[in-house]
């Protein structure tokens, strides 16, 4: 099973503000924006991107950043995680 790197996910209390700052800083385009998530990419169809996701709780010790991969075969992934 091969994986495709889709996003680096960043948790934030204000995903739109943080995401827009990074979009401007990197010269990337906004590909999705809502109250709970804000995604940017170098180009609309180019991966990986950055996805900023709302997390209302304050940071304690756990990292707010993780890599998001998508498998080329979702059926195999579902069997593997059972």
PDB file of N, CA and C in Angstrom:
ATOM      1  N   UNK A   1       0.854  -1.175   0.000  1.00  0.00           N
ATOM      2  CA  UNK A   1       0.000   0.000   0.000  1.00  0.00           C
ATOM      3  C   UNK A   1       0.897   1.234   0.000  1.00  0.00           C
ATOM      4  N   UNK A   2       0.750   2.087  -0.984  1.00  0.00           N
ATOM      5  CA  UNK A   2       1.495   3.347  -1.054  1.00  0.00           C
ATOM      6  C   UNK A   2       0.674   4.464  -0.427  1.00  0.00           C
ATOM      7  N   UNK A   3       1.366   5.462   0.102  1.00  0.00           N
ATOM      8  CA  UNK A   3       0.697   6.611   0.708  1.00  0.00           C
ATOM      9  C   UNK A   3       1.031   7.875  -0.063  1.00  0.00           C
ATOM     10  N   UNK A   4       0.079   8.794  -0.093  1.00  0.00           N
ATOM     11  CA  UNK A   4       0.285  10.107  -0.694  1.00  0.00           C
ATOM     12  C   UNK A   4       0.255  11.132   0.435  1.00  0.00           C
ATOM     13  N   UNK A   5       1.286  11.941   0.525  1.00  0.00           N
ATOM     14  CA  UNK A   5       1.353  12.970   1.554  1.00  0.00           C
ATOM     15  C   UNK A   5       0.437  14.109   1.137  1.00  0.00           C
ATOM     16  N   UNK A   6      -0.636  14.330   1.895  1.00  0.00           N
ATOM     17  CA  UNK A   6      -1.636  15.332   1.535  1.00  0.00           C
ATOM     18  C   UNK A   6      -1.412  16.669   2.235  1.00  0.00           C
ATOM     19  N   UNK A   7      -1.230  16.645   3.554  1.00  0.00           N
ATOM     20  CA  UNK A   7      -1.141  17.888   4.313  1.00  0.00           C
ATOM     21  C   UNK A   7      -0.205  17.752   5.497  1.00  0.00           C
ATOM     22  N   UNK A   8       0.277  18.880   5.939  1.00  0.00           N
ATOM     23  CA  UNK A   8       0.783  19.016   7.292  1.00  0.00           C
ATOM     24  C   UNK A   8      -0.351  19.706   8.026  1.00  0.00           C
ATOM     25  N   UNK A   9      -0.850  19.082   9.074  1.00  0.00           N
ATOM     26  CA  UNK A   9      -2.004  19.603   9.800  1.00  0.00           C
ATOM     27  C   UNK A   9      -1.509  20.369  11.027  1.00  0.00           C
ATOM     28  N   UNK A  10      -2.005  21.601  11.162  1.00  0.00           N
ATOM     29  CA  UNK A  10      -1.631  22.473  12.273  1.00  0.00           C
ATOM     30  C   UNK A  10      -2.901  22.817  13.043  1.00  0.00           C
ATOM     31  N   UNK A  11      -2.943  22.513  14.333  1.00  0.00           N
ATOM     32  CA  UNK A  11      -4.083  22.882  15.159  1.00  0.00           C
ATOM     33  C   UNK A  11      -3.926  24.321  15.635  1.00  0.00           C
ATOM     34  N   UNK A  12      -5.044  25.043  15.656  1.00  0.00           N
ATOM     35  CA  UNK A  12      -4.994  26.463  16.000  1.00  0.00           C
ATOM     36  C   UNK A  12      -6.339  26.914  16.552  1.00  0.00           C
ATOM     37  N   UNK A  13      -6.336  27.912  17.415  1.00  0.00           N
ATOM     38  CA  UNK A  13      -7.596  28.486  17.891  1.00  0.00           C
ATOM     39  C   UNK A  13      -8.212  29.398  16.836  1.00  0.00           C
ATOM     40  N   UNK A  14      -7.414  29.881  15.863  1.00  0.00           N
ATOM     41  CA  UNK A  14      -7.917  30.719  14.767  1.00  0.00           C
ATOM     42  C   UNK A  14      -7.283  30.257  13.454  1.00  0.00           C
ATOM     43  N   UNK A  15      -7.813  29.153  12.878  1.00  0.00           N
ATOM     44  CA  UNK A  15      -7.185  28.586  11.688  1.00  0.00           C
ATOM     45  C   UNK A  15      -7.146  29.539  10.498  1.00  0.00           C
ATOM     46  N   UNK A  16      -8.179  30.347  10.303  1.00  0.00           N
ATOM     47  CA  UNK A  16      -8.204  31.261   9.151  1.00  0.00           C
ATOM     48  C   UNK A  16      -7.114  32.319   9.257  1.00  0.00           C
ATOM     49  N   UNK A  17      -6.943  32.896  10.422  1.00  0.00           N
ATOM     50  CA  UNK A  17      -5.922  33.938  10.589  1.00  0.00           C
ATOM     51  C   UNK A  17      -4.519  33.356  10.410  1.00  0.00           C
ATOM     52  N   UNK A  18      -4.263  32.222  11.045  1.00  0.00           N
ATOM     53  CA  UNK A  18      -2.943  31.612  10.932  1.00  0.00           C
ATOM     54  C   UNK A  18      -2.691  31.112   9.509  1.00  0.00           C
ATOM     55  N   UNK A  19      -3.705  30.487   8.913  1.00  0.00           N
ATOM     56  CA  UNK A  19      -3.572  29.991   7.554  1.00  0.00           C
ATOM     57  C   UNK A  19      -3.361  31.102   6.542  1.00  0.00           C
ATOM     58  N   UNK A  20      -4.088  32.200   6.701  1.00  0.00           N
ATOM     59  CA  UNK A  20      -3.929  33.318   5.776  1.00  0.00           C
ATOM     60  C   UNK A  20      -2.539  33.929   5.910  1.00  0.00           C
ATOM     61  N   UNK A  21      -2.023  33.995   7.128  1.00  0.00           N
ATOM     62  CA  UNK A  21      -0.674  34.523   7.332  1.00  0.00           C
ATOM     63  C   UNK A  21       0.335  33.672   6.564  1.00  0.00           C
ATOM     64  N   UNK A  22       0.221  32.329   6.706  1.00  0.00           N
ATOM     65  CA  UNK A  22       1.145  31.439   6.005  1.00  0.00           C
ATOM     66  C   UNK A  22       0.949  31.489   4.498  1.00  0.00           C
ATOM     67  N   UNK A  23      -0.289  31.613   4.026  1.00  0.00           N
ATOM     68  CA  UNK A  23      -0.538  31.712   2.585  1.00  0.00           C
ATOM     69  C   UNK A  23       0.166  32.940   2.012  1.00  0.00           C
ATOM     70  N   UNK A  24       0.060  34.049   2.702  1.00  0.00           N
ATOM     71  CA  UNK A  24       0.716  35.283   2.256  1.00  0.00           C
ATOM     72  C   UNK A  24       2.235  35.132   2.320  1.00  0.00           C
ATOM     73  N   UNK A  25       2.736  34.599   3.425  1.00  0.00           N
ATOM     74  CA  UNK A  25       4.181  34.456   3.611  1.00  0.00           C
ATOM     75  C   UNK A  25       4.804  33.536   2.557  1.00  0.00           C
ATOM     76  N   UNK A  26       4.099  32.465   2.196  1.00  0.00           N
ATOM     77  CA  UNK A  26       4.634  31.491   1.246  1.00  0.00           C
ATOM     78  C   UNK A  26       4.238  31.775  -0.203  1.00  0.00           C
ATOM     79  N   UNK A  27       3.266  32.661  -0.396  1.00  0.00           N
ATOM     80  CA  UNK A  27       2.762  32.915  -1.743  1.00  0.00           C
ATOM     81  C   UNK A  27       1.904  31.761  -2.249  1.00  0.00           C
ATOM     82  N   UNK A  28       1.263  31.015  -1.335  1.00  0.00           N
ATOM     83  CA  UNK A  28       0.433  29.874  -1.686  1.00  0.00           C
ATOM     84  C   UNK A  28      -1.018  30.304  -1.869  1.00  0.00           C
ATOM     85  N   UNK A  29      -1.829  29.404  -2.429  1.00  0.00           N
ATOM     86  CA  UNK A  29      -3.243  29.695  -2.672  1.00  0.00           C
ATOM     87  C   UNK A  29      -4.120  29.005  -1.633  1.00  0.00           C
ATOM     88  N   UNK A  30      -5.235  29.651  -1.321  1.00  0.00           N
ATOM     89  CA  UNK A  30      -6.221  29.075  -0.404  1.00  0.00           C
ATOM     90  C   UNK A  30      -7.089  28.107  -1.201  1.00  0.00           C
ATOM     91  N   UNK A  31      -7.189  26.866  -0.733  1.00  0.00           N
ATOM     92  CA  UNK A  31      -8.001  25.869  -1.432  1.00  0.00           C
ATOM     93  C   UNK A  31      -9.261  25.485  -0.664  1.00  0.00           C
ATOM     94  N   UNK A  32      -9.341  25.845   0.625  1.00  0.00           N
ATOM     95  CA  UNK A  32     -10.541  25.565   1.421  1.00  0.00           C
ATOM     96  C   UNK A  32     -10.549  26.487   2.629  1.00  0.00           C
ATOM     97  N   UNK A  33     -11.710  27.016   2.928  1.00  0.00           N
ATOM     98  CA  UNK A  33     -11.843  27.895   4.083  1.00  0.00           C
ATOM     99  C   UNK A  33     -13.223  27.722   4.707  1.00  0.00           C
ATOM    100  N   UNK A  34     -13.248  27.457   6.008  1.00  0.00           N
ATOM    101  CA  UNK A  34     -14.505  27.366   6.751  1.00  0.00           C
ATOM    102  C   UNK A  34     -14.236  27.817   8.179  1.00  0.00           C
ATOM    103  N   UNK A  35     -15.244  27.714   9.032  1.00  0.00           N
ATOM    104  CA  UNK A  35     -15.072  28.093  10.431  1.00  0.00           C
ATOM    105  C   UNK A  35     -14.114  27.173  11.174  1.00  0.00           C
ATOM    106  N   UNK A  36     -13.936  25.956  10.683  1.00  0.00           N
ATOM    107  CA  UNK A  36     -13.120  24.975  11.414  1.00  0.00           C
ATOM    108  C   UNK A  36     -11.829  24.574  10.714  1.00  0.00           C
ATOM    109  N   UNK A  37     -11.690  24.911   9.430  1.00  0.00           N
ATOM    110  CA  UNK A  37     -10.452  24.552   8.743  1.00  0.00           C
ATOM    111  C   UNK A  37     -10.119  25.558   7.642  1.00  0.00           C
ATOM    112  N   UNK A  38      -8.830  25.637   7.357  1.00  0.00           N
ATOM    113  CA  UNK A  38      -8.310  26.558   6.347  1.00  0.00           C
ATOM    114  C   UNK A  38      -7.129  25.854   5.695  1.00  0.00           C
ATOM    115  N   UNK A  39      -7.215  25.578   4.391  1.00  0.00           N
ATOM    116  CA  UNK A  39      -6.167  24.810   3.717  1.00  0.00           C
ATOM    117  C   UNK A  39      -5.517  25.629   2.618  1.00  0.00           C
ATOM    118  N   UNK A  40      -4.193  25.509   2.516  1.00  0.00           N
ATOM    119  CA  UNK A  40      -3.428  26.204   1.479  1.00  0.00           C
ATOM    120  C   UNK A  40      -2.503  25.213   0.792  1.00  0.00           C
ATOM    121  N   UNK A  41      -2.152  25.542  -0.461  1.00  0.00           N
ATOM    122  CA  UNK A  41      -1.228  24.711  -1.236  1.00  0.00           C
ATOM    123  C   UNK A  41      -0.348  25.611  -2.094  1.00  0.00           C
ATOM    124  N   UNK A  42       0.774  25.068  -2.571  1.00  0.00           N
ATOM    125  CA  UNK A  42       1.624  25.855  -3.458  1.00  0.00           C
ATOM    126  C   UNK A  42       0.882  26.246  -4.743  1.00  0.00           C
ATOM    127  N   UNK A  43       0.058  25.337  -5.257  1.00  0.00           N
ATOM    128  CA  UNK A  43      -0.808  25.540  -6.422  1.00  0.00           C
ATOM    129  C   UNK A  43      -2.086  24.760  -6.140  1.00  0.00           C
ATOM    130  N   UNK A  44      -3.209  25.094  -6.764  1.00  0.00           N
ATOM    131  CA  UNK A  44      -4.475  24.437  -6.419  1.00  0.00           C
ATOM    132  C   UNK A  44      -4.448  22.912  -6.441  1.00  0.00           C
ATOM    133  N   UNK A  45      -3.733  22.309  -7.378  1.00  0.00           N
ATOM    134  CA  UNK A  45      -3.721  20.848  -7.498  1.00  0.00           C
ATOM    135  C   UNK A  45      -2.395  20.215  -7.092  1.00  0.00           C
ATOM    136  N   UNK A  46      -1.576  20.946  -6.353  1.00  0.00           N
ATOM    137  CA  UNK A  46      -0.256  20.429  -5.964  1.00  0.00           C
ATOM    138  C   UNK A  46      -0.218  20.110  -4.480  1.00  0.00           C
ATOM    139  N   UNK A  47       0.238  18.903  -4.170  1.00  0.00           N
ATOM    140  CA  UNK A  47       0.374  18.465  -2.784  1.00  0.00           C
ATOM    141  C   UNK A  47       1.848  18.340  -2.436  1.00  0.00           C
ATOM    142  N   UNK A  48       2.220  18.345  -1.176  1.00  0.00           N
ATOM    143  CA  UNK A  48       1.366  18.496  -0.008  1.00  0.00           C
ATOM    144  C   UNK A  48       1.021  19.960   0.258  1.00  0.00           C
ATOM    145  N   UNK A  49       0.056  20.136   1.135  1.00  0.00           N
ATOM    146  CA  UNK A  49      -0.355  21.477   1.543  1.00  0.00           C
ATOM    147  C   UNK A  49      -0.296  21.609   3.051  1.00  0.00           C
ATOM    148  N   UNK A  50      -0.740  22.745   3.519  1.00  0.00           N
ATOM    149  CA  UNK A  50      -0.876  22.983   4.955  1.00  0.00           C
ATOM    150  C   UNK A  50      -2.365  23.115   5.264  1.00  0.00           C
ATOM    151  N   UNK A  51      -2.817  22.434   6.300  1.00  0.00           N
ATOM    152  CA  UNK A  51      -4.216  22.525   6.712  1.00  0.00           C
ATOM    153  C   UNK A  51      -4.267  22.957   8.166  1.00  0.00           C
ATOM    154  N   UNK A  52      -4.926  24.054   8.406  1.00  0.00           N
ATOM    155  CA  UNK A  52      -5.064  24.626   9.748  1.00  0.00           C
ATOM    156  C   UNK A  52      -6.455  24.265  10.249  1.00  0.00           C
ATOM    157  N   UNK A  53      -6.513  23.583  11.405  1.00  0.00           N
ATOM    158  CA  UNK A  53      -7.760  23.046  11.926  1.00  0.00           C
ATOM    159  C   UNK A  53      -8.016  23.629  13.307  1.00  0.00           C
ATOM    160  N   UNK A  54      -9.276  24.032  13.540  1.00  0.00           N
ATOM    161  CA  UNK A  54      -9.640  24.624  14.836  1.00  0.00           C
ATOM    162  C   UNK A  54      -9.502  23.603  15.962  1.00  0.00           C
ATOM    163  N   UNK A  55      -8.863  24.050  17.017  1.00  0.00           N
ATOM    164  CA  UNK A  55      -8.769  23.284  18.255  1.00  0.00           C
ATOM    165  C   UNK A  55      -8.894  24.303  19.375  1.00  0.00           C
ATOM    166  N   UNK A  56     -10.010  24.290  20.064  1.00  0.00           N
ATOM    167  CA  UNK A  56     -10.313  25.339  21.036  1.00  0.00           C
ATOM    168  C   UNK A  56      -9.606  25.187  22.381  1.00  0.00           C
ATOM    169  N   UNK A  57      -9.139  23.995  22.701  1.00  0.00           N
ATOM    170  CA  UNK A  57      -8.466  23.835  23.987  1.00  0.00           C
ATOM    171  C   UNK A  57      -7.045  24.392  23.918  1.00  0.00           C
ATOM    172  N   UNK A  58      -6.561  24.840  25.052  1.00  0.00           N
ATOM    173  CA  UNK A  58      -5.205  25.397  25.087  1.00  0.00           C
ATOM    174  C   UNK A  58      -4.178  24.267  25.019  1.00  0.00           C
ATOM    175  N   UNK A  59      -3.018  24.586  24.496  1.00  0.00           N
ATOM    176  CA  UNK A  59      -1.955  23.591  24.372  1.00  0.00           C
ATOM    177  C   UNK A  59      -1.445  23.197  25.747  1.00  0.00           C
ATOM    178  N   UNK A  60      -1.278  21.888  25.935  1.00  0.00           N
ATOM    179  CA  UNK A  60      -0.736  21.399  27.203  1.00  0.00           C
ATOM    180  C   UNK A  60       0.689  20.914  26.964  1.00  0.00           C
ATOM    181  N   UNK A  61       0.851  19.767  26.348  1.00  0.00           N
ATOM    182  CA  UNK A  61       2.195  19.256  26.078  1.00  0.00           C
ATOM    183  C   UNK A  61       2.277  18.613  24.700  1.00  0.00           C
ATOM    184  N   UNK A  62       1.164  18.153  24.197  1.00  0.00           N
ATOM    185  CA  UNK A  62       1.142  17.436  22.928  1.00  0.00           C
ATOM    186  C   UNK A  62       1.380  18.396  21.753  1.00  0.00           C
ATOM    187  N   UNK A  63       2.100  17.917  20.765  1.00  0.00           N
ATOM    188  CA  UNK A  63       2.362  18.705  19.565  1.00  0.00           C
ATOM    189  C   UNK A  63       1.069  18.981  18.808  1.00  0.00           C
ATOM    190  N   UNK A  64       0.962  20.157  18.237  1.00  0.00           N
ATOM    191  CA  UNK A  64      -0.214  20.542  17.459  1.00  0.00           C
ATOM    192  C   UNK A  64       0.007  20.359  15.969  1.00  0.00           C
ATOM    193  N   UNK A  65       0.978  19.560  15.595  1.00  0.00           N
ATOM    194  CA  UNK A  65       1.346  19.395  14.201  1.00  0.00           C
ATOM    195  C   UNK A  65       1.470  17.914  13.896  1.00  0.00           C
ATOM    196  N   UNK A  66       0.872  17.465  12.790  1.00  0.00           N
ATOM    197  CA  UNK A  66       1.059  16.083  12.362  1.00  0.00           C
ATOM    198  C   UNK A  66       0.960  15.997  10.849  1.00  0.00           C
ATOM    199  N   UNK A  67       1.518  14.945  10.288  1.00  0.00           N
ATOM    200  CA  UNK A  67       1.475  14.718   8.852  1.00  0.00           C
ATOM    201  C   UNK A  67       0.236  13.909   8.503  1.00  0.00           C
ATOM    202  N   UNK A  68      -0.408  14.232   7.393  1.00  0.00           N
ATOM    203  CA  UNK A  68      -1.621  13.573   6.951  1.00  0.00           C
ATOM    204  C   UNK A  68      -1.357  12.885   5.616  1.00  0.00           C
ATOM    205  N   UNK A  69      -1.487  11.564   5.591  1.00  0.00           N
ATOM    206  CA  UNK A  69      -1.250  10.785   4.386  1.00  0.00           C
ATOM    207  C   UNK A  69      -2.550  10.131   3.926  1.00  0.00           C
ATOM    208  N   UNK A  70      -2.691   9.928   2.626  1.00  0.00           N
ATOM    209  CA  UNK A  70      -3.821   9.216   2.053  1.00  0.00           C
ATOM    210  C   UNK A  70      -3.285   8.011   1.289  1.00  0.00           C
ATOM    211  N   UNK A  71      -3.809   6.802   1.566  1.00  0.00           N
ATOM    212  CA  UNK A  71      -3.321   5.622   0.853  1.00  0.00           C
ATOM    213  C   UNK A  71      -3.879   5.563  -0.562  1.00  0.00           C
ATOM    214  N   UNK A  72      -3.168   4.855  -1.425  1.00  0.00           N
ATOM    215  CA  UNK A  72      -3.686   4.665  -2.782  1.00  0.00           C
ATOM    216  C   UNK A  72      -4.804   3.628  -2.809  1.00  0.00           C
ATOM    217  N   UNK A  73      -4.952   2.847  -1.740  1.00  0.00           N
ATOM    218  CA  UNK A  73      -5.999   1.832  -1.663  1.00  0.00           C
ATOM    219  C   UNK A  73      -6.681   1.922  -0.294  1.00  0.00           C
ATOM    220  N   UNK A  74      -7.821   2.595  -0.241  1.00  0.00           N
ATOM    221  CA  UNK A  74      -8.525   2.796   1.031  1.00  0.00           C
ATOM    222  C   UNK A  74      -8.993   1.478   1.656  1.00  0.00           C
ATOM    223  N   UNK A  75      -9.351   0.497   0.836  1.00  0.00           N
ATOM    224  CA  UNK A  75      -9.798  -0.795   1.355  1.00  0.00           C
ATOM    225  C   UNK A  75      -8.690  -1.465   2.144  1.00  0.00           C
ATOM    226  N   UNK A  76      -7.479  -1.464   1.621  1.00  0.00           N
ATOM    227  CA  UNK A  76      -6.347  -2.059   2.317  1.00  0.00           C
ATOM    228  C   UNK A  76      -6.077  -1.307   3.611  1.00  0.00           C
ATOM    229  N   UNK A  77      -6.197   0.018   3.586  1.00  0.00           N
ATOM    230  CA  UNK A  77      -5.998   0.807   4.800  1.00  0.00           C
ATOM    231  C   UNK A  77      -7.004   0.426   5.873  1.00  0.00           C
ATOM    232  N   UNK A  78      -8.257   0.312   5.511  1.00  0.00           N
ATOM    233  CA  UNK A  78      -9.307  -0.031   6.490  1.00  0.00           C
ATOM    234  C   UNK A  78      -9.067  -1.404   7.101  1.00  0.00           C
ATOM    235  N   UNK A  79      -8.611  -2.350   6.314  1.00  0.00           N
ATOM    236  CA  UNK A  79      -8.303  -3.691   6.832  1.00  0.00           C
ATOM    237  C   UNK A  79      -7.093  -3.623   7.759  1.00  0.00           C
ATOM    238  N   UNK A  80      -6.097  -2.825   7.395  1.00  0.00           N
ATOM    239  CA  UNK A  80      -4.856  -2.739   8.175  1.00  0.00           C
ATOM    240  C   UNK A  80      -5.075  -2.119   9.548  1.00  0.00           C
ATOM    241  N   UNK A  81      -6.045  -1.222   9.692  1.00  0.00           N
ATOM    242  CA  UNK A  81      -6.219  -0.551  10.984  1.00  0.00           C
ATOM    243  C   UNK A  81      -7.174  -1.289  11.896  1.00  0.00           C
ATOM    244  N   UNK A  82      -7.781  -2.359  11.441  1.00  0.00           N
ATOM    245  CA  UNK A  82      -8.693  -3.139  12.301  1.00  0.00           C
ATOM    246  C   UNK A  82      -7.967  -4.003  13.258  1.00  0.00           C
TER     247      UNK A  82
END
